[in-house]
Amino acid sequence: MVEYVSSYLRFWKKPNEWLENIIRDYKNEKEPLPPPQLSIASWIVAGMCTHIMYKIATKKDFKKFPEFYINSII
């Protein structure tokens, strides 16, 4: 999924270099490791899902595929 987001952003001329660097570095690890910050990411995604469900319930606009939500502090 992360690779899809990265390639989608690059296709639309909005590359996210830090994300691409993380993907590359993670793939080049010599031993299999769990995804970094998985527990934190799951809480962030849960919050994003709750926000989207609120928008759906209140009949407000929300993104639909192929658009997606990306949360970045950079």
Protein backbone atom coordinates (compact mmCIF):
# COMPACT_ATOMS: atom_id res chain seq x y z
CA MET A 1 0.00 0.00 0.00
CA VAL A 2 2.81 2.40 0.86
CA GLU A 3 4.45 1.74 -2.49
CA TYR A 4 1.14 2.48 -4.23
CA VAL A 5 0.88 5.82 -2.40
CA SER A 6 4.47 6.69 -3.27
CA SER A 7 4.08 5.85 -6.97
CA TYR A 8 0.72 7.69 -7.12
CA LEU A 9 2.32 10.84 -5.71
CA ARG A 10 5.27 10.58 -8.11
CA PHE A 11 2.91 10.08 -11.08
CA TRP A 12 1.05 13.31 -10.21
CA LYS A 13 4.37 15.20 -9.90
CA LYS A 14 4.15 15.43 -6.09
CA PRO A 15 6.91 13.04 -5.04
CA ASN A 16 7.34 12.37 -1.35
CA GLU A 17 11.11 11.84 -1.08
CA TRP A 18 11.17 10.92 2.61
CA LEU A 19 8.59 8.18 2.03
CA GLU A 20 10.52 6.79 -0.93
CA ASN A 21 13.72 6.79 1.15
CA ILE A 22 12.02 4.85 3.94
CA ILE A 23 10.68 2.25 1.47
CA ARG A 24 14.11 1.84 -0.12
CA ASP A 25 15.91 1.54 3.22
CA TYR A 26 13.34 -0.92 4.59
CA LYS A 27 13.66 -3.13 1.49
CA ASN A 28 17.46 -3.10 1.77
CA GLU A 29 17.49 -4.45 5.34
CA LYS A 30 19.54 -7.63 5.56
CA GLU A 31 17.19 -9.44 7.96
CA PRO A 32 13.39 -9.52 8.07
CA LEU A 33 12.14 -6.87 10.48
CA PRO A 34 8.62 -5.82 11.43
CA PRO A 35 7.46 -2.49 10.00
CA PRO A 36 8.73 0.37 12.18
CA GLN A 37 6.33 2.22 14.46
CA LEU A 38 3.50 -0.21 13.70
CA SER A 39 1.65 0.40 16.96
CA ILE A 40 1.78 4.19 16.58
CA ALA A 41 0.68 3.97 12.96
CA SER A 42 -2.31 1.81 13.87
CA TRP A 43 -3.53 4.47 16.34
CA ILE A 44 -3.12 7.22 13.73
CA VAL A 45 -5.01 5.18 11.13
CA ALA A 46 -7.78 4.49 13.66
CA GLY A 47 -8.15 8.23 14.23
CA MET A 48 -8.25 8.91 10.48
CA CYS A 49 -10.91 6.21 10.02
CA THR A 50 -13.02 7.67 12.82
CA HIS A 51 -12.80 11.10 11.18
CA ILE A 52 -13.88 9.66 7.80
CA MET A 53 -16.77 7.78 9.42
CA TYR A 54 -17.87 11.06 11.01
CA LYS A 55 -17.80 12.75 7.58
CA ILE A 56 -19.88 9.92 6.10
CA ALA A 57 -22.40 10.02 8.96
CA THR A 58 -22.79 13.81 8.69
CA LYS A 59 -22.97 13.67 4.88
CA LYS A 60 -19.83 15.79 4.40
CA ASP A 61 -17.44 15.37 1.48
CA PHE A 62 -14.73 12.72 1.80
CA LYS A 63 -12.13 11.26 -0.54
CA LYS A 64 -12.96 8.18 -2.61
CA PHE A 65 -10.60 5.83 -4.47
CA PRO A 66 -8.21 6.54 -6.19
CA GLU A 67 -7.75 9.55 -3.88
CA PHE A 68 -6.41 8.72 -0.45
CA TYR A 69 -5.55 10.31 2.86
CA ILE A 70 -1.91 10.69 3.87
CA ASN A 71 -0.87 12.04 7.22
CA SER A 72 2.53 13.68 7.27
CA ILE A 73 4.22 15.80 9.89
CA ILE A 74 6.80 16.96 7.35
